[in-house]
Amino acid sequence: MKKIREVAINKLENLRRIKLKTVILLLVFISIGYLMLVCSLYAAVPQRINYQGKLLNSAGEPVSDGNRNIRFIRIYCGIIV
């Protein structure tokens, strides 16, 4: 009778360990998924690019204040690896 009780207790302890491992693994996967989601939100492509520079005429003199339309023909992107 004592041996049956010990076997039953051992099985219950094993079930508790398995459940604990399952919960821990589940929490790890949820945490990784959450981190991936947050990182992807911060890595979104911006809709606007702010750029500051000087607008000069053909003689190299600054152009007077006011609104100007500027068309970019080429935009280069340097990628640092």
PDB file of N, CA and C in Angstrom:
ATOM      1  N   MET A   1       0.817  -1.186   0.000  1.00  0.00           N
ATOM      2  CA  MET A   1       0.000   0.000   0.000  1.00  0.00           C
ATOM      3  C   MET A   1       0.869   1.262   0.000  1.00  0.00           C
ATOM      4  N   LYS A   2       1.945   1.205   0.774  1.00  0.00           N
ATOM      5  CA  LYS A   2       2.844   2.342   0.848  1.00  0.00           C
ATOM      6  C   LYS A   2       3.505   2.603  -0.510  1.00  0.00           C
ATOM      7  N   LYS A   3       3.832   1.539  -1.220  1.00  0.00           N
ATOM      8  CA  LYS A   3       4.505   1.667  -2.510  1.00  0.00           C
ATOM      9  C   LYS A   3       3.559   2.289  -3.532  1.00  0.00           C
ATOM     10  N   ILE A   4       2.291   1.908  -3.506  1.00  0.00           N
ATOM     11  CA  ILE A   4       1.309   2.468  -4.442  1.00  0.00           C
ATOM     12  C   ILE A   4       1.157   3.965  -4.195  1.00  0.00           C
ATOM     13  N   ARG A   5       1.152   4.335  -2.919  1.00  0.00           N
ATOM     14  CA  ARG A   5       1.026   5.756  -2.575  1.00  0.00           C
ATOM     15  C   ARG A   5       2.242   6.543  -3.082  1.00  0.00           C
ATOM     16  N   GLU A   6       3.445   5.994  -2.916  1.00  0.00           N
ATOM     17  CA  GLU A   6       4.659   6.655  -3.395  1.00  0.00           C
ATOM     18  C   GLU A   6       4.641   6.806  -4.919  1.00  0.00           C
ATOM     19  N   VAL A   7       4.175   5.777  -5.602  1.00  0.00           N
ATOM     20  CA  VAL A   7       4.091   5.838  -7.067  1.00  0.00           C
ATOM     21  C   VAL A   7       3.107   6.919  -7.482  1.00  0.00           C
ATOM     22  N   ALA A   8       1.980   7.001  -6.805  1.00  0.00           N
ATOM     23  CA  ALA A   8       0.975   8.019  -7.117  1.00  0.00           C
ATOM     24  C   ALA A   8       1.527   9.419  -6.861  1.00  0.00           C
ATOM     25  N   ILE A   9       2.236   9.589  -5.772  1.00  0.00           N
ATOM     26  CA  ILE A   9       2.825  10.898  -5.453  1.00  0.00           C
ATOM     27  C   ILE A   9       3.876  11.271  -6.502  1.00  0.00           C
ATOM     28  N   ASN A  10       4.695  10.308  -6.908  1.00  0.00           N
ATOM     29  CA  ASN A  10       5.706  10.566  -7.936  1.00  0.00           C
ATOM     30  C   ASN A  10       5.057  10.976  -9.258  1.00  0.00           C
ATOM     31  N   LYS A  11       3.960  10.316  -9.623  1.00  0.00           N
ATOM     32  CA  LYS A  11       3.265  10.661 -10.867  1.00  0.00           C
ATOM     33  C   LYS A  11       2.695  12.078 -10.796  1.00  0.00           C
ATOM     34  N   LEU A  12       2.132  12.435  -9.646  1.00  0.00           N
ATOM     35  CA  LEU A  12       1.601  13.791  -9.480  1.00  0.00           C
ATOM     36  C   LEU A  12       2.712  14.844  -9.574  1.00  0.00           C
ATOM     37  N   GLU A  13       3.853  14.557  -8.966  1.00  0.00           N
ATOM     38  CA  GLU A  13       4.983  15.488  -9.040  1.00  0.00           C
ATOM     39  C   GLU A  13       5.474  15.629 -10.473  1.00  0.00           C
ATOM     40  N   ASN A  14       5.511  14.521 -11.199  1.00  0.00           N
ATOM     41  CA  ASN A  14       5.920  14.578 -12.610  1.00  0.00           C
ATOM     42  C   ASN A  14       4.933  15.406 -13.429  1.00  0.00           C
ATOM     43  N   LEU A  15       3.628  15.249 -13.167  1.00  0.00           N
ATOM     44  CA  LEU A  15       2.626  16.046 -13.864  1.00  0.00           C
ATOM     45  C   LEU A  15       2.797  17.532 -13.553  1.00  0.00           C
ATOM     46  N   ARG A  16       3.082  17.862 -12.316  1.00  0.00           N
ATOM     47  CA  ARG A  16       3.300  19.262 -11.936  1.00  0.00           C
ATOM     48  C   ARG A  16       4.511  19.834 -12.656  1.00  0.00           C
ATOM     49  N   ARG A  17       5.584  19.052 -12.743  1.00  0.00           N
ATOM     50  CA  ARG A  17       6.786  19.511 -13.465  1.00  0.00           C
ATOM     51  C   ARG A  17       6.483  19.733 -14.935  1.00  0.00           C
ATOM     52  N   ILE A  18       5.743  18.813 -15.529  1.00  0.00           N
ATOM     53  CA  ILE A  18       5.393  18.943 -16.946  1.00  0.00           C
ATOM     54  C   ILE A  18       4.528  20.182 -17.164  1.00  0.00           C
ATOM     55  N   LYS A  19       3.550  20.399 -16.279  1.00  0.00           N
ATOM     56  CA  LYS A  19       2.693  21.580 -16.400  1.00  0.00           C
ATOM     57  C   LYS A  19       3.509  22.853 -16.230  1.00  0.00           C
ATOM     58  N   LEU A  20       4.424  22.869 -15.284  1.00  0.00           N
ATOM     59  CA  LEU A  20       5.256  24.042 -15.057  1.00  0.00           C
ATOM     60  C   LEU A  20       6.135  24.320 -16.276  1.00  0.00           C
ATOM     61  N   LYS A  21       6.731  23.275 -16.841  1.00  0.00           N
ATOM     62  CA  LYS A  21       7.547  23.445 -18.042  1.00  0.00           C
ATOM     63  C   LYS A  21       6.703  23.966 -19.199  1.00  0.00           C
ATOM     64  N   THR A  22       5.494  23.449 -19.329  1.00  0.00           N
ATOM     65  CA  THR A  22       4.603  23.894 -20.401  1.00  0.00           C
ATOM     66  C   THR A  22       4.246  25.367 -20.225  1.00  0.00           C
ATOM     67  N   VAL A  23       3.942  25.771 -19.015  1.00  0.00           N
ATOM     68  CA  VAL A  23       3.598  27.169 -18.746  1.00  0.00           C
ATOM     69  C   VAL A  23       4.798  28.067 -19.022  1.00  0.00           C
ATOM     70  N   ILE A  24       5.968  27.657 -18.591  1.00  0.00           N
ATOM     71  CA  ILE A  24       7.168  28.456 -18.826  1.00  0.00           C
ATOM     72  C   ILE A  24       7.440  28.591 -20.320  1.00  0.00           C
ATOM     73  N   LEU A  25       7.365  27.489 -21.065  1.00  0.00           N
ATOM     74  CA  LEU A  25       7.570  27.552 -22.513  1.00  0.00           C
ATOM     75  C   LEU A  25       6.532  28.450 -23.181  1.00  0.00           C
ATOM     76  N   LEU A  26       5.296  28.353 -22.748  1.00  0.00           N
ATOM     77  CA  LEU A  26       4.243  29.194 -23.308  1.00  0.00           C
ATOM     78  C   LEU A  26       4.535  30.670 -23.047  1.00  0.00           C
ATOM     79  N   LEU A  27       4.956  30.999 -21.847  1.00  0.00           N
ATOM     80  CA  LEU A  27       5.304  32.383 -21.524  1.00  0.00           C
ATOM     81  C   LEU A  27       6.497  32.871 -22.345  1.00  0.00           C
ATOM     82  N   VAL A  28       7.476  32.003 -22.561  1.00  0.00           N
ATOM     83  CA  VAL A  28       8.633  32.380 -23.382  1.00  0.00           C
ATOM     84  C   VAL A  28       8.190  32.675 -24.811  1.00  0.00           C
ATOM     85  N   PHE A  29       7.354  31.816 -25.397  1.00  0.00           N
ATOM     86  CA  PHE A  29       6.893  32.040 -26.767  1.00  0.00           C
ATOM     87  C   PHE A  29       6.025  33.286 -26.879  1.00  0.00           C
ATOM     88  N   ILE A  30       5.190  33.526 -25.890  1.00  0.00           N
ATOM     89  CA  ILE A  30       4.365  34.748 -25.906  1.00  0.00           C
ATOM     90  C   ILE A  30       5.264  35.979 -25.812  1.00  0.00           C
ATOM     91  N   SER A  31       6.282  35.926 -24.965  1.00  0.00           N
ATOM     92  CA  SER A  31       7.203  37.053 -24.822  1.00  0.00           C
ATOM     93  C   SER A  31       7.953  37.321 -26.130  1.00  0.00           C
ATOM     94  N   ILE A  32       8.415  36.273 -26.770  1.00  0.00           N
ATOM     95  CA  ILE A  32       9.124  36.431 -28.048  1.00  0.00           C
ATOM     96  C   ILE A  32       8.188  37.015 -29.095  1.00  0.00           C
ATOM     97  N   GLY A  33       6.969  36.529 -29.150  1.00  0.00           N
ATOM     98  CA  GLY A  33       5.998  37.068 -30.102  1.00  0.00           C
ATOM     99  C   GLY A  33       5.705  38.535 -29.839  1.00  0.00           C
ATOM    100  N   TYR A  34       5.572  38.897 -28.572  1.00  0.00           N
ATOM    101  CA  TYR A  34       5.318  40.295 -28.212  1.00  0.00           C
ATOM    102  C   TYR A  34       6.494  41.179 -28.625  1.00  0.00           C
ATOM    103  N   LEU A  35       7.720  40.724 -28.365  1.00  0.00           N
ATOM    104  CA  LEU A  35       8.898  41.492 -28.758  1.00  0.00           C
ATOM    105  C   LEU A  35       8.980  41.665 -30.272  1.00  0.00           C
ATOM    106  N   MET A  36       8.654  40.610 -31.011  1.00  0.00           N
ATOM    107  CA  MET A  36       8.673  40.708 -32.471  1.00  0.00           C
ATOM    108  C   MET A  36       7.627  41.708 -32.960  1.00  0.00           C
ATOM    109  N   LEU A  37       6.462  41.711 -32.341  1.00  0.00           N
ATOM    110  CA  LEU A  37       5.413  42.652 -32.720  1.00  0.00           C
ATOM    111  C   LEU A  37       5.843  44.086 -32.439  1.00  0.00           C
ATOM    112  N   VAL A  38       6.387  44.329 -31.253  1.00  0.00           N
ATOM    113  CA  VAL A  38       6.818  45.676 -30.889  1.00  0.00           C
ATOM    114  C   VAL A  38       7.938  46.147 -31.812  1.00  0.00           C
ATOM    115  N   CYS A  39       8.894  45.271 -32.107  1.00  0.00           N
ATOM    116  CA  CYS A  39       9.999  45.638 -32.996  1.00  0.00           C
ATOM    117  C   CYS A  39       9.495  45.951 -34.394  1.00  0.00           C
ATOM    118  N   SER A  40       8.543  45.191 -34.890  1.00  0.00           N
ATOM    119  CA  SER A  40       8.028  45.448 -36.236  1.00  0.00           C
ATOM    120  C   SER A  40       7.254  46.761 -36.285  1.00  0.00           C
ATOM    121  N   LEU A  41       6.608  47.148 -35.189  1.00  0.00           N
ATOM    122  CA  LEU A  41       5.897  48.424 -35.168  1.00  0.00           C
ATOM    123  C   LEU A  41       6.868  49.592 -35.200  1.00  0.00           C
ATOM    124  N   TYR A  42       7.987  49.467 -34.506  1.00  0.00           N
ATOM    125  CA  TYR A  42       8.977  50.537 -34.508  1.00  0.00           C
ATOM    126  C   TYR A  42       9.772  50.560 -35.813  1.00  0.00           C
ATOM    127  N   ALA A  43       9.783  49.485 -36.549  1.00  0.00           N
ATOM    128  CA  ALA A  43      10.538  49.426 -37.792  1.00  0.00           C
ATOM    129  C   ALA A  43       9.697  49.812 -39.003  1.00  0.00           C
ATOM    130  N   ALA A  44       8.509  50.348 -38.794  1.00  0.00           N
ATOM    131  CA  ALA A  44       7.638  50.726 -39.901  1.00  0.00           C
ATOM    132  C   ALA A  44       8.279  51.849 -40.730  1.00  0.00           C
ATOM    133  N   VAL A  45       7.971  51.868 -41.998  1.00  0.00           N
ATOM    134  CA  VAL A  45       8.514  52.866 -42.910  1.00  0.00           C
ATOM    135  C   VAL A  45       7.833  54.202 -42.644  1.00  0.00           C
ATOM    136  N   PRO A  46       8.612  55.271 -42.446  1.00  0.00           N
ATOM    137  CA  PRO A  46       7.995  56.570 -42.191  1.00  0.00           C
ATOM    138  C   PRO A  46       7.294  57.104 -43.438  1.00  0.00           C
ATOM    139  N   GLN A  47       6.197  57.820 -43.236  1.00  0.00           N
ATOM    140  CA  GLN A  47       5.448  58.383 -44.355  1.00  0.00           C
ATOM    141  C   GLN A  47       6.033  59.719 -44.813  1.00  0.00           C
ATOM    142  N   ARG A  48       6.777  60.373 -43.960  1.00  0.00           N
ATOM    143  CA  ARG A  48       7.396  61.655 -44.298  1.00  0.00           C
ATOM    144  C   ARG A  48       8.862  61.629 -43.914  1.00  0.00           C
ATOM    145  N   ILE A  49       9.654  62.346 -44.704  1.00  0.00           N
ATOM    146  CA  ILE A  49      11.075  62.481 -44.417  1.00  0.00           C
ATOM    147  C   ILE A  49      11.373  63.967 -44.277  1.00  0.00           C
ATOM    148  N   ASN A  50      11.902  64.367 -43.145  1.00  0.00           N
ATOM    149  CA  ASN A  50      12.303  65.750 -42.943  1.00  0.00           C
ATOM    150  C   ASN A  50      13.738  65.920 -43.408  1.00  0.00           C
ATOM    151  N   TYR A  51      13.975  66.944 -44.212  1.00  0.00           N
ATOM    152  CA  TYR A  51      15.308  67.207 -44.721  1.00  0.00           C
ATOM    153  C   TYR A  51      15.535  68.708 -44.687  1.00  0.00           C
ATOM    154  N   GLN A  52      16.701  69.124 -44.257  1.00  0.00           N
ATOM    155  CA  GLN A  52      17.005  70.540 -44.169  1.00  0.00           C
ATOM    156  C   GLN A  52      18.193  70.830 -45.069  1.00  0.00           C
ATOM    157  N   GLY A  53      18.119  71.938 -45.790  1.00  0.00           N
ATOM    158  CA  GLY A  53      19.216  72.321 -46.663  1.00  0.00           C
ATOM    159  C   GLY A  53      19.083  73.775 -47.073  1.00  0.00           C
ATOM    160  N   LYS A  54      19.915  74.218 -48.014  1.00  0.00           N
ATOM    161  CA  LYS A  54      19.873  75.588 -48.522  1.00  0.00           C
ATOM    162  C   LYS A  54      19.411  75.561 -49.965  1.00  0.00           C
ATOM    163  N   LEU A  55      18.531  76.494 -50.295  1.00  0.00           N
ATOM    164  CA  LEU A  55      18.077  76.633 -51.674  1.00  0.00           C
ATOM    165  C   LEU A  55      18.800  77.827 -52.278  1.00  0.00           C
ATOM    166  N   LEU A  56      19.602  77.556 -53.304  1.00  0.00           N
ATOM    167  CA  LEU A  56      20.400  78.598 -53.950  1.00  0.00           C
ATOM    168  C   LEU A  56      19.981  78.737 -55.412  1.00  0.00           C
ATOM    169  N   ASN A  57      20.127  79.945 -55.946  1.00  0.00           N
ATOM    170  CA  ASN A  57      19.871  80.137 -57.377  1.00  0.00           C
ATOM    171  C   ASN A  57      21.113  79.734 -58.163  1.00  0.00           C
ATOM    172  N   SER A  58      21.081  79.917 -59.475  1.00  0.00           N
ATOM    173  CA  SER A  58      22.197  79.477 -60.318  1.00  0.00           C
ATOM    174  C   SER A  58      23.480  80.254 -60.045  1.00  0.00           C
ATOM    175  N   ALA A  59      23.369  81.443 -59.441  1.00  0.00           N
ATOM    176  CA  ALA A  59      24.555  82.234 -59.113  1.00  0.00           C
ATOM    177  C   ALA A  59      25.116  81.860 -57.740  1.00  0.00           C
ATOM    178  N   GLY A  60      24.459  80.963 -57.028  1.00  0.00           N
ATOM    179  CA  GLY A  60      24.920  80.527 -55.723  1.00  0.00           C
ATOM    180  C   GLY A  60      24.440  81.399 -54.591  1.00  0.00           C
ATOM    181  N   GLU A  61      23.476  82.284 -54.877  1.00  0.00           N
ATOM    182  CA  GLU A  61      22.933  83.168 -53.847  1.00  0.00           C
ATOM    183  C   GLU A  61      21.664  82.547 -53.259  1.00  0.00           C
ATOM    184  N   PRO A  62      21.415  82.790 -51.964  1.00  0.00           N
ATOM    185  CA  PRO A  62      20.198  82.231 -51.346  1.00  0.00           C
ATOM    186  C   PRO A  62      18.933  82.782 -52.002  1.00  0.00           C
ATOM    187  N   VAL A  63      17.933  81.939 -52.147  1.00  0.00           N
ATOM    188  CA  VAL A  63      16.648  82.331 -52.713  1.00  0.00           C
ATOM    189  C   VAL A  63      15.808  82.931 -51.592  1.00  0.00           C
ATOM    190  N   SER A  64      14.997  83.941 -51.914  1.00  0.00           N
ATOM    191  CA  SER A  64      14.176  84.608 -50.896  1.00  0.00           C
ATOM    192  C   SER A  64      13.172  83.624 -50.285  1.00  0.00           C
ATOM    193  N   ASP A  65      12.705  83.988 -49.073  1.00  0.00           N
ATOM    194  CA  ASP A  65      11.749  83.139 -48.369  1.00  0.00           C
ATOM    195  C   ASP A  65      10.470  82.978 -49.173  1.00  0.00           C
ATOM    196  N   GLY A  66       9.803  81.872 -48.969  1.00  0.00           N
ATOM    197  CA  GLY A  66       8.539  81.607 -49.625  1.00  0.00           C
ATOM    198  C   GLY A  66       8.383  80.119 -49.887  1.00  0.00           C
ATOM    199  N   ASN A  67       7.245  79.756 -50.408  1.00  0.00           N
ATOM    200  CA  ASN A  67       6.978  78.349 -50.717  1.00  0.00           C
ATOM    201  C   ASN A  67       7.510  78.022 -52.097  1.00  0.00           C
ATOM    202  N   ARG A  68       8.131  76.886 -52.205  1.00  0.00           N
ATOM    203  CA  ARG A  68       8.691  76.428 -53.486  1.00  0.00           C
ATOM    204  C   ARG A  68       8.285  74.974 -53.689  1.00  0.00           C
ATOM    205  N   ASN A  69       8.054  74.597 -54.911  1.00  0.00           N
ATOM    206  CA  ASN A  69       7.824  73.197 -55.256  1.00  0.00           C
ATOM    207  C   ASN A  69       9.148  72.592 -55.692  1.00  0.00           C
ATOM    208  N   ILE A  70       9.483  71.474 -55.094  1.00  0.00           N
ATOM    209  CA  ILE A  70      10.741  70.799 -55.420  1.00  0.00           C
ATOM    210  C   ILE A  70      10.410  69.374 -55.840  1.00  0.00           C
ATOM    211  N   ARG A  71      11.000  68.952 -56.943  1.00  0.00           N
ATOM    212  CA  ARG A  71      10.810  67.578 -57.414  1.00  0.00           C
ATOM    213  C   ARG A  71      12.148  66.863 -57.348  1.00  0.00           C
ATOM    214  N   PHE A  72      12.171  65.776 -56.615  1.00  0.00           N
ATOM    215  CA  PHE A  72      13.387  64.969 -56.527  1.00  0.00           C
ATOM    216  C   PHE A  72      13.398  63.963 -57.662  1.00  0.00           C
ATOM    217  N   ILE A  73      14.466  63.970 -58.426  1.00  0.00           N
ATOM    218  CA  ILE A  73      14.588  63.036 -59.537  1.00  0.00           C
ATOM    219  C   ILE A  73      15.180  61.716 -59.044  1.00  0.00           C
ATOM    220  N   ARG A  74      16.146  61.804 -58.164  1.00  0.00           N
ATOM    221  CA  ARG A  74      16.755  60.601 -57.602  1.00  0.00           C
ATOM    222  C   ARG A  74      16.972  60.795 -56.100  1.00  0.00           C
ATOM    223  N   ILE A  75      16.740  59.758 -55.354  1.00  0.00           N
ATOM    224  CA  ILE A  75      17.041  59.756 -53.929  1.00  0.00           C
ATOM    225  C   ILE A  75      17.923  58.542 -53.661  1.00  0.00           C
ATOM    226  N   TYR A  76      19.082  58.773 -53.074  1.00  0.00           N
ATOM    227  CA  TYR A  76      20.026  57.708 -52.793  1.00  0.00           C
ATOM    228  C   TYR A  76      19.961  57.356 -51.312  1.00  0.00           C
ATOM    229  N   CYS A  77      20.120  56.103 -51.037  1.00  0.00           N
ATOM    230  CA  CYS A  77      20.099  55.619 -49.661  1.00  0.00           C
ATOM    231  C   CYS A  77      21.367  54.833 -49.418  1.00  0.00           C
ATOM    232  N   GLY A  78      22.119  55.245 -48.424  1.00  0.00           N
ATOM    233  CA  GLY A  78      23.330  54.498 -48.056  1.00  0.00           C
ATOM    234  C   GLY A  78      22.994  53.532 -46.947  1.00  0.00           C
ATOM    235  N   ILE A  79      23.312  52.286 -47.135  1.00  0.00           N
ATOM    236  CA  ILE A  79      23.039  51.263 -46.125  1.00  0.00           C
ATOM    237  C   ILE A  79      24.355  50.849 -45.492  1.00  0.00           C
ATOM    238  N   ILE A  80      24.406  50.960 -44.176  1.00  0.00           N
ATOM    239  CA  ILE A  80      25.612  50.569 -43.427  1.00  0.00           C
ATOM    240  C   ILE A  80      25.354  49.193 -42.836  1.00  0.00           C
ATOM    241  N   VAL A  81      26.244  48.283 -43.143  1.00  0.00           N
ATOM    242  CA  VAL A  81      26.093  46.922 -42.637  1.00  0.00           C
ATOM    243  C   VAL A  81      27.141  46.637 -41.596  1.00  0.00           C
TER     244      VAL A  81
END
